[in-house]
C-alpha atoms as a PDB file:
ATOM      1  CA  MET A   1     179.325  51.771 106.091  1.00  0.00           C
ATOM      2  CA  ALA A   2     176.278  49.584 106.788  1.00  0.00           C
ATOM      3  CA  SER A   3     176.865  45.847 107.037  1.00  0.00           C
ATOM      4  CA  VAL A   4     175.320  43.624 104.342  1.00  0.00           C
ATOM      5  CA  LEU A   5     174.063  40.142 105.165  1.00  0.00           C
ATOM      6  CA  LYS A   6     173.682  37.995 102.097  1.00  0.00           C
ATOM      7  CA  VAL A   7     171.548  34.882 102.610  1.00  0.00           C
ATOM      8  CA  ASP A   8     168.875  33.126 100.560  1.00  0.00           C
ATOM      9  CA  LYS A   9     166.502  32.422 103.491  1.00  0.00           C
ATOM     10  CA  LEU A  10     165.888  33.349 107.101  1.00  0.00           C
ATOM     11  CA  ASP A  11     164.256  30.867 109.454  1.00  0.00           C
ATOM     12  CA  PRO A  12     163.549  31.184 113.195  1.00  0.00           C
ATOM     13  CA  GLN A  13     166.033  29.357 115.408  1.00  0.00           C
ATOM     14  CA  SER A  14     163.140  27.594 117.095  1.00  0.00           C
ATOM     15  CA  GLY A  15     159.371  27.616 116.722  1.00  0.00           C
ATOM     16  CA  THR A  16     157.645  29.407 113.883  1.00  0.00           C
ATOM     17  CA  ALA A  17     157.971  33.081 114.889  1.00  0.00           C
ATOM     18  CA  LEU A  18     160.603  35.194 113.150  1.00  0.00           C
ATOM     19  CA  GLU A  19     161.235  38.750 114.403  1.00  0.00           C
ATOM     20  CA  ILE A  20     162.986  41.387 112.285  1.00  0.00           C
ATOM     21  CA  GLY A  21     164.325  44.429 114.150  1.00  0.00           C
ATOM     22  CA  THR A  22     163.490  45.777 117.562  1.00  0.00           C
ATOM     23  CA  SER A  23     160.581  47.911 118.756  1.00  0.00           C
ATOM     24  CA  GLY A  24     161.120  51.455 117.522  1.00  0.00           C
ATOM     25  CA  ASP A  25     163.184  50.402 114.513  1.00  0.00           C
ATOM     26  CA  THR A  26     162.202  51.289 110.961  1.00  0.00           C
ATOM     27  CA  ILE A  27     162.257  48.473 108.367  1.00  0.00           C
ATOM     28  CA  SER A  28     162.644  49.952 104.895  1.00  0.00           C
ATOM     29  CA  VAL A  29     162.147  48.375 101.483  1.00  0.00           C
ATOM     30  CA  PRO A  30     164.221  50.444  98.995  1.00  0.00           C
ATOM     31  CA  SER A  31     162.765  51.962  95.868  1.00  0.00           C
ATOM     32  CA  GLY A  32     162.697  49.484  92.985  1.00  0.00           C
ATOM     33  CA  ALA A  33     162.499  46.449  95.258  1.00  0.00           C
ATOM     34  CA  THR A  34     159.369  44.282  95.424  1.00  0.00           C
ATOM     35  CA  LEU A  35     157.982  42.856  98.632  1.00  0.00           C
ATOM     36  CA  ASP A  36     155.884  39.924  97.385  1.00  0.00           C
ATOM     37  CA  ILE A  37     153.366  38.704  99.972  1.00  0.00           C
ATOM     38  CA  SER A  38     150.740  37.583  97.464  1.00  0.00           C
ATOM     39  CA  ALA A  39     150.941  33.962  98.691  1.00  0.00           C
ATOM     40  CA  SER A  40     151.041  34.914 102.371  1.00  0.00           C
ATOM     41  CA  THR A  41     148.657  36.158 105.055  1.00  0.00           C
ATOM     42  CA  LEU A  42     149.118  39.800 106.029  1.00  0.00           C
ATOM     43  CA  THR A  43     147.851  40.789 109.487  1.00  0.00           C
ATOM     44  CA  PRO A  44     147.685  44.625 109.614  1.00  0.00           C
ATOM     45  CA  PRO A  45     147.445  46.553 112.869  1.00  0.00           C
ATOM     46  CA  ALA A  46     144.002  47.329 114.288  1.00  0.00           C
ATOM     47  CA  THR A  47     144.506  50.993 113.382  1.00  0.00           C
ATOM     48  CA  MET A  48     145.891  51.497 109.889  1.00  0.00           C
ATOM     49  CA  PRO A  49     148.329  54.380 109.413  1.00  0.00           C
ATOM     50  CA  ALA A  50     147.218  57.310 107.254  1.00  0.00           C
ATOM     51  CA  SER A  51     147.869  56.490 103.634  1.00  0.00           C
ATOM     52  CA  SER A  52     146.470  57.209 100.173  1.00  0.00           C
ATOM     53  CA  GLY A  53     143.930  54.673  98.931  1.00  0.00           C
ATOM     54  CA  VAL A  54     144.345  55.574  95.262  1.00  0.00           C
ATOM     55  CA  ASN A  55     145.750  52.161  94.358  1.00  0.00           C
ATOM     56  CA  LEU A  56     143.277  50.124  96.409  1.00  0.00           C
ATOM     57  CA  THR A  57     141.063  48.083  94.087  1.00  0.00           C
ATOM     58  CA  ALA A  58     138.327  45.446  94.310  1.00  0.00           C
ATOM     59  CA  LEU A  59     136.900  46.898  97.534  1.00  0.00           C
ATOM     60  CA  ASN A  60     133.683  45.130  98.573  1.00  0.00           C
ATOM     61  CA  ALA A  61     131.028  47.624  99.696  1.00  0.00           C
ATOM     62  CA  THR A  62     129.350  44.938 101.802  1.00  0.00           C
ATOM     63  CA  ASN A  63     132.297  45.146 104.178  1.00  0.00           C
ATOM     64  CA  LEU A  64     131.485  48.731 105.161  1.00  0.00           C
ATOM     65  CA  GLY A  65     130.411  48.236 108.729  1.00  0.00           C
ATOM     66  CA  SER A  66     129.725  51.769 109.961  1.00  0.00           C
ATOM     67  CA  GLY A  67     129.490  55.402 108.988  1.00  0.00           C
ATOM     68  CA  THR A  68     127.673  57.101 106.123  1.00  0.00           C
ATOM     69  CA  VAL A  69     128.968  57.705 102.631  1.00  0.00           C
ATOM     70  CA  PRO A  70     129.014  61.496 102.052  1.00  0.00           C
ATOM     71  CA  THR A  71     126.538  62.623  99.402  1.00  0.00           C
ATOM     72  CA  ALA A  72     129.320  64.429  97.560  1.00  0.00           C
ATOM     73  CA  ARG A  73     130.988  61.057  96.977  1.00  0.00           C
ATOM     74  CA  LEU A  74     127.831  59.681  95.337  1.00  0.00           C
ATOM     75  CA  GLY A  75     127.333  62.322  92.682  1.00  0.00           C
ATOM     76  CA  THR A  76     127.566  65.961  91.632  1.00  0.00           C
ATOM     77  CA  GLY A  77     124.972  68.643  92.314  1.00  0.00           C
ATOM     78  CA  THR A  78     123.092  69.395  95.519  1.00  0.00           C
ATOM     79  CA  ALA A  79     121.560  66.563  97.498  1.00  0.00           C
ATOM     80  CA  SER A  80     118.349  67.569  99.240  1.00  0.00           C
ATOM     81  CA  SER A  81     114.841  66.350 100.034  1.00  0.00           C
ATOM     82  CA  SER A  82     113.667  67.616  96.643  1.00  0.00           C
ATOM     83  CA  THR A  83     116.398  66.036  94.464  1.00  0.00           C
ATOM     84  CA  VAL A  84     117.206  62.485  93.441  1.00  0.00           C
ATOM     85  CA  LEU A  85     120.427  60.846  92.228  1.00  0.00           C
ATOM     86  CA  TYR A  86     120.237  59.854  88.565  1.00  0.00           C
ATOM     87  CA  GLY A  87     122.191  57.184  86.749  1.00  0.00           C
ATOM     88  CA  ASP A  88     124.615  59.773  85.431  1.00  0.00           C
ATOM     89  CA  GLN A  89     125.606  60.404  89.092  1.00  0.00           C
ATOM     90  CA  THR A  90     123.970  63.849  89.132  1.00  0.00           C
ATOM     91  CA  TYR A  91     121.489  65.150  91.711  1.00  0.00           C
ATOM     92  CA  LYS A  92     118.486  66.643  89.918  1.00  0.00           C
ATOM     93  CA  ALA A  93     115.001  67.789  90.811  1.00  0.00           C
ATOM     94  CA  GLU A  94     112.668  64.923  91.551  1.00  0.00           C
ATOM     95  CA  PRO A  95     110.542  63.942  88.587  1.00  0.00           C
ATOM     96  CA  GLY A  96     106.899  63.118  88.598  1.00  0.00           C
ATOM     97  CA  GLY A  97     105.139  66.447  89.100  1.00  0.00           C
ATOM     98  CA  GLY A  98     101.417  65.949  89.323  1.00  0.00           C
ATOM     99  CA  LYS A  99     101.435  63.279  91.983  1.00  0.00           C
ATOM    100  CA  ILE A 100      98.520  63.375  94.402  1.00  0.00           C
ATOM    101  CA  LEU A 101     100.033  63.989  97.854  1.00  0.00           C
ATOM    102  CA  GLN A 102      96.815  63.926  99.846  1.00  0.00           C
ATOM    103  CA  VAL A 103      93.036  63.951  99.493  1.00  0.00           C
ATOM    104  CA  VAL A 104      90.683  65.658 101.953  1.00  0.00           C
ATOM    105  CA  GLN A 105      86.883  65.483 101.782  1.00  0.00           C
ATOM    106  CA  THR A 106      84.261  67.273 103.883  1.00  0.00           C
ATOM    107  CA  THR A 107      80.470  67.164 103.743  1.00  0.00           C
ATOM    108  CA  SER A 108      77.957  69.810 104.738  1.00  0.00           C
ATOM    109  CA  ALA A 109      76.061  69.580 107.980  1.00  0.00           C
ATOM    110  CA  SER A 110      73.102  71.828 107.050  1.00  0.00           C
ATOM    111  CA  ASN A 111      71.644  73.920 104.280  1.00  0.00           C
ATOM    112  CA  SER A 112      71.893  77.686 103.767  1.00  0.00           C
ATOM    113  CA  VAL A 113      69.447  80.063 102.046  1.00  0.00           C
ATOM    114  CA  HIS A 114      70.737  82.906  99.886  1.00  0.00           C
ATOM    115  CA  SER A 115      68.405  85.733  98.927  1.00  0.00           C
ATOM    116  CA  THR A 116      70.641  88.814  98.904  1.00  0.00           C
ATOM    117  CA  SER A 117      70.386  89.851  95.271  1.00  0.00           C
ATOM    118  CA  GLU A 118      73.713  89.823  93.421  1.00  0.00           C
ATOM    119  CA  THR A 119      75.739  89.706  96.636  1.00  0.00           C
ATOM    120  CA  PHE A 120      77.562  86.445  97.293  1.00  0.00           C
ATOM    121  CA  THR A 121      77.266  85.124 100.842  1.00  0.00           C
ATOM    122  CA  ALA A 122      78.939  82.095 102.417  1.00  0.00           C
ATOM    123  CA  SER A 123      77.136  78.770 102.464  1.00  0.00           C
ATOM    124  CA  ASN A 124      77.661  75.897 104.877  1.00  0.00           C
ATOM    125  CA  VAL A 125      79.567  73.942 102.196  1.00  0.00           C
ATOM    126  CA  SER A 126      83.212  74.377 103.137  1.00  0.00           C
ATOM    127  CA  GLY A 127      86.460  72.387 103.405  1.00  0.00           C
ATOM    128  CA  ALA A 128      90.043  73.011 104.522  1.00  0.00           C
ATOM    129  CA  ILE A 129      93.411  71.528 103.615  1.00  0.00           C
ATOM    130  CA  THR A 130      96.999  72.093 104.821  1.00  0.00           C
ATOM    131  CA  PRO A 131      99.548  71.479 102.014  1.00  0.00           C
ATOM    132  CA  THR A 132     102.404  69.121 102.832  1.00  0.00           C
ATOM    133  CA  ALA A 133     104.838  70.420 100.208  1.00  0.00           C
ATOM    134  CA  ALA A 134     105.904  73.754  98.793  1.00  0.00           C
ATOM    135  CA  SER A 135     104.335  75.130  95.586  1.00  0.00           C
ATOM    136  CA  SER A 136     101.637  72.455  95.379  1.00  0.00           C
ATOM    137  CA  LYS A 137      98.435  73.004  93.424  1.00  0.00           C
ATOM    138  CA  ILE A 138      95.040  72.225  94.957  1.00  0.00           C
ATOM    139  CA  PHE A 139      92.370  70.582  92.839  1.00  0.00           C
ATOM    140  CA  VAL A 140      88.984  71.533  94.283  1.00  0.00           C
ATOM    141  CA  SER A 141      85.689  69.856  93.486  1.00  0.00           C
ATOM    142  CA  VAL A 142      82.432  71.075  95.054  1.00  0.00           C
ATOM    143  CA  TYR A 143      79.160  69.206  94.626  1.00  0.00           C
ATOM    144  CA  TRP A 144      75.817  70.221  96.139  1.00  0.00           C
ATOM    145  CA  ALA A 145      72.073  69.849  95.954  1.00  0.00           C
ATOM    146  CA  CYS A 146      70.141  73.087  95.537  1.00  0.00           C
ATOM    147  CA  ALA A 147      66.672  74.489  95.211  1.00  0.00           C
ATOM    148  CA  ILE A 148      65.123  77.730  93.997  1.00  0.00           C
ATOM    149  CA  GLY A 149      62.313  79.527  95.896  1.00  0.00           C
ATOM    150  CA  GLN A 150      60.086  81.637  93.683  1.00  0.00           C
ATOM    151  CA  THR A 151      58.839  85.025  94.832  1.00  0.00           C
ATOM    152  CA  SER A 152      57.656  86.027  91.402  1.00  0.00           C
ATOM    153  CA  THR A 153      57.111  84.284  88.099  1.00  0.00           C
ATOM    154  CA  ILE A 154      60.865  83.727  87.640  1.00  0.00           C
ATOM    155  CA  ALA A 155      63.706  82.636  89.950  1.00  0.00           C
ATOM    156  CA  GLY A 156      67.378  81.810  89.712  1.00  0.00           C
ATOM    157  CA  GLY A 157      70.667  81.541  91.569  1.00  0.00           C
ATOM    158  CA  THR A 158      74.367  80.837  91.133  1.00  0.00           C
ATOM    159  CA  ALA A 159      77.483  80.074  93.171  1.00  0.00           C
ATOM    160  CA  LYS A 160      81.252  80.520  93.240  1.00  0.00           C
ATOM    161  CA  ILE A 161      84.202  79.045  95.099  1.00  0.00           C
ATOM    162  CA  TYR A 162      85.825  81.491  97.549  1.00  0.00           C
ATOM    163  CA  ARG A 163      89.246  80.905  99.153  1.00  0.00           C
ATOM    164  CA  ASP A 164      90.838  81.892 102.461  1.00  0.00           C
ATOM    165  CA  ILE A 165      94.504  81.284 103.364  1.00  0.00           C
ATOM    166  CA  GLU A 166      95.342  81.096 107.062  1.00  0.00           C
ATOM    167  CA  GLY A 167      92.585  83.509 108.097  1.00  0.00           C
ATOM    168  CA  GLY A 168      93.696  86.234 105.697  1.00  0.00           C
ATOM    169  CA  GLY A 169      90.147  86.817 104.419  1.00  0.00           C
ATOM    170  CA  TYR A 170      87.969  85.278 101.719  1.00  0.00           C
ATOM    171  CA  SER A 171      88.174  86.279  98.064  1.00  0.00           C
ATOM    172  CA  ALA A 172      86.358  85.030  94.988  1.00  0.00           C
ATOM    173  CA  LEU A 173      88.270  82.271  93.245  1.00  0.00           C
ATOM    174  CA  PHE A 174      86.200  80.683  90.476  1.00  0.00           C
ATOM    175  CA  PRO A 175      84.411  81.449  88.243  1.00  0.00           C
ATOM    176  CA  SER A 176      85.676  85.043  87.981  1.00  0.00           C
ATOM    177  CA  THR A 177      82.811  86.440  85.887  1.00  0.00           C
ATOM    178  CA  SER A 178      79.581  88.072  87.056  1.00  0.00           C
ATOM    179  CA  PRO A 179      76.803  85.705  88.240  1.00  0.00           C
ATOM    180  CA  ASN A 180      75.482  83.445  85.538  1.00  0.00           C
ATOM    181  CA  LEU A 181      71.982  82.283  86.284  1.00  0.00           C
ATOM    182  CA  ALA A 182      71.785  78.650  87.217  1.00  0.00           C
ATOM    183  CA  TYR A 183      68.052  78.485  86.481  1.00  0.00           C
ATOM    184  CA  ARG A 184      65.310  80.524  84.879  1.00  0.00           C
ATOM    185  CA  LEU A 185      61.861  79.350  85.890  1.00  0.00           C
ATOM    186  CA  THR A 186      58.410  80.443  84.872  1.00  0.00           C
ATOM    187  CA  GLY A 187      55.204  79.519  86.598  1.00  0.00           C
ATOM    188  CA  ALA A 188      53.376  80.098  89.857  1.00  0.00           C
ATOM    189  CA  THR A 189      54.986  81.955  92.734  1.00  0.00           C
ATOM    190  CA  GLY A 190      55.812  80.518  96.136  1.00  0.00           C
ATOM    191  CA  GLY A 191      57.519  77.315  97.245  1.00  0.00           C
ATOM    192  CA  LEU A 192      60.617  75.618  95.924  1.00  0.00           C
ATOM    193  CA  GLY A 193      60.382  75.853  92.182  1.00  0.00           C
ATOM    194  CA  LEU A 194      63.173  73.439  91.266  1.00  0.00           C
ATOM    195  CA  ARG A 195      65.556  70.988  92.927  1.00  0.00           C
ATOM    196  CA  SER A 196      68.766  69.960  91.200  1.00  0.00           C
ATOM    197  CA  PHE A 197      72.473  69.234  91.645  1.00  0.00           C
ATOM    198  CA  GLN A 198      75.374  71.424  90.689  1.00  0.00           C
ATOM    199  CA  SER A 199      79.174  71.147  90.769  1.00  0.00           C
ATOM    200  CA  ILE A 200      82.270  73.307  90.295  1.00  0.00           C
ATOM    201  CA  THR A 201      85.812  72.009  89.728  1.00  0.00           C
ATOM    202  CA  TYR A 202      88.952  74.158  89.716  1.00  0.00           C
ATOM    203  CA  LEU A 203      92.728  73.678  89.823  1.00  0.00           C
ATOM    204  CA  ASP A 204      94.044  76.310  92.221  1.00  0.00           C
ATOM    205  CA  SER A 205      97.637  77.607  92.449  1.00  0.00           C
ATOM    206  CA  PRO A 206      97.665  79.335  95.825  1.00  0.00           C
ATOM    207  CA  SER A 207     100.584  81.253  97.315  1.00  0.00           C
ATOM    208  CA  TYR A 208     101.192  79.928 100.809  1.00  0.00           C
ATOM    209  CA  THR A 209     103.775  78.841 103.331  1.00  0.00           C
ATOM    210  CA  LEU A 210     103.887  75.377 104.875  1.00  0.00           C
ATOM    211  CA  THR A 211     101.536  74.919 107.843  1.00  0.00           C
ATOM    212  CA  ASP A 212      99.059  77.424 106.283  1.00  0.00           C
ATOM    213  CA  VAL A 213      95.446  76.227 106.308  1.00  0.00           C
ATOM    214  CA  ILE A 214      93.646  76.865 102.993  1.00  0.00           C
ATOM    215  CA  THR A 215      89.851  76.920 103.212  1.00  0.00           C
ATOM    216  CA  TYR A 216      87.490  76.683 100.243  1.00  0.00           C
ATOM    217  CA  THR A 217      83.882  77.728 100.752  1.00  0.00           C
ATOM    218  CA  LEU A 218      80.935  77.814  98.379  1.00  0.00           C
ATOM    219  CA  TYR A 219      79.333  81.287  98.185  1.00  0.00           C
ATOM    220  CA  ALA A 220      75.921  81.740  96.557  1.00  0.00           C
ATOM    221  CA  THR A 221      73.558  84.515  95.448  1.00  0.00           C
ATOM    222  CA  THR A 222      70.416  85.344  93.500  1.00  0.00           C
ATOM    223  CA  VAL A 223      69.691  88.020  90.944  1.00  0.00           C
ATOM    224  CA  THR A 224      67.514  91.031  91.858  1.00  0.00           C
ATOM    225  CA  GLY A 225      63.901  89.983  92.123  1.00  0.00           C
ATOM    226  CA  TRP A 226      64.604  86.336  91.436  1.00  0.00           C
ATOM    227  CA  GLY A 227      63.615  84.636  94.673  1.00  0.00           C
ATOM    228  CA  SER A 228      65.887  82.570  96.898  1.00  0.00           C
ATOM    229  CA  TYR A 229      68.617  80.006  96.304  1.00  0.00           C
ATOM    230  CA  THR A 230      69.083  77.187  98.854  1.00  0.00           C
ATOM    231  CA  VAL A 231      72.377  75.296  98.967  1.00  0.00           C
ATOM    232  CA  SER A 232      72.518  71.707 100.240  1.00  0.00           C
ATOM    233  CA  ILE A 233      68.749  71.472 100.316  1.00  0.00           C
ATOM    234  CA  ASP A 234      68.844  67.946 101.693  1.00  0.00           C
ATOM    235  CA  ASP A 235      71.242  68.953 104.467  1.00  0.00           C
ATOM    236  CA  ALA A 236      74.245  66.607 104.029  1.00  0.00           C
ATOM    237  CA  SER A 237      73.933  66.289 100.259  1.00  0.00           C
ATOM    238  CA  ALA A 238      76.983  68.447  99.534  1.00  0.00           C
ATOM    239  CA  SER A 239      80.737  67.827  99.622  1.00  0.00           C
ATOM    240  CA  VAL A 240      84.076  69.505  99.020  1.00  0.00           C
ATOM    241  CA  VAL A 241      86.958  67.346  97.787  1.00  0.00           C
ATOM    242  CA  MET A 242      90.477  68.862  97.855  1.00  0.00           C
ATOM    243  CA  MET A 243      93.469  67.097  96.310  1.00  0.00           C
ATOM    244  CA  GLU A 244      97.014  68.368  96.805  1.00  0.00           C
ATOM    245  CA  VAL A 245      98.881  67.989  93.519  1.00  0.00           C
ATOM    246  CA  ALA A 246     102.708  68.048  93.587  1.00  0.00           C
ATOM    247  CA  ALA A 247     104.297  70.814  91.523  1.00  0.00           C
END
């Protein structure tokens, strides 16, 4: 039978240090008993033993000195570069589609003359952009000065935006219909019959992979027997503006 020592207080024989037990001993507080150290200073070991923290309360997050809180502890759902943590502690797709991610502008260096009737050929007005995010849209705006050269009593020309993705080949993008005459002139033959400015804007939804270069080029043509069509007649008076719009 274990010995029982009944006292109301234990004090050290000398000094202020009181030792209970010997190294290797186990000091047990039985179930139902309360060890009240609320008015005392508790100095825990440098390495705390494994224990459940369920009953730990009033923890100050400013005392976290190292490590990273796992994303699973912050909320439910999948944390990724395309999701954000909402106030309901759920990871959801990032809002705000339609943000402009980048803007690229190029200007033409010289003009180009188009006289192949009803066959679109590439002009010198061209620009390229490399999307920075997946599934972006590209808003394309092309602006150019043009002139019509008369070879008969009437002349006219028109243009379209063509697109190439990573060298895969150009295809007509916009407008999709047959050539609509930009001008119809009457009068004497010879010379530049009319100078003017034109523009095309289009919101493109290309299929691409990241790092692909998307090139937009203005193609132009004339109608059979309707003279010539010069793009960027004043050399640098043409530009292509491309804006990447977040999906």
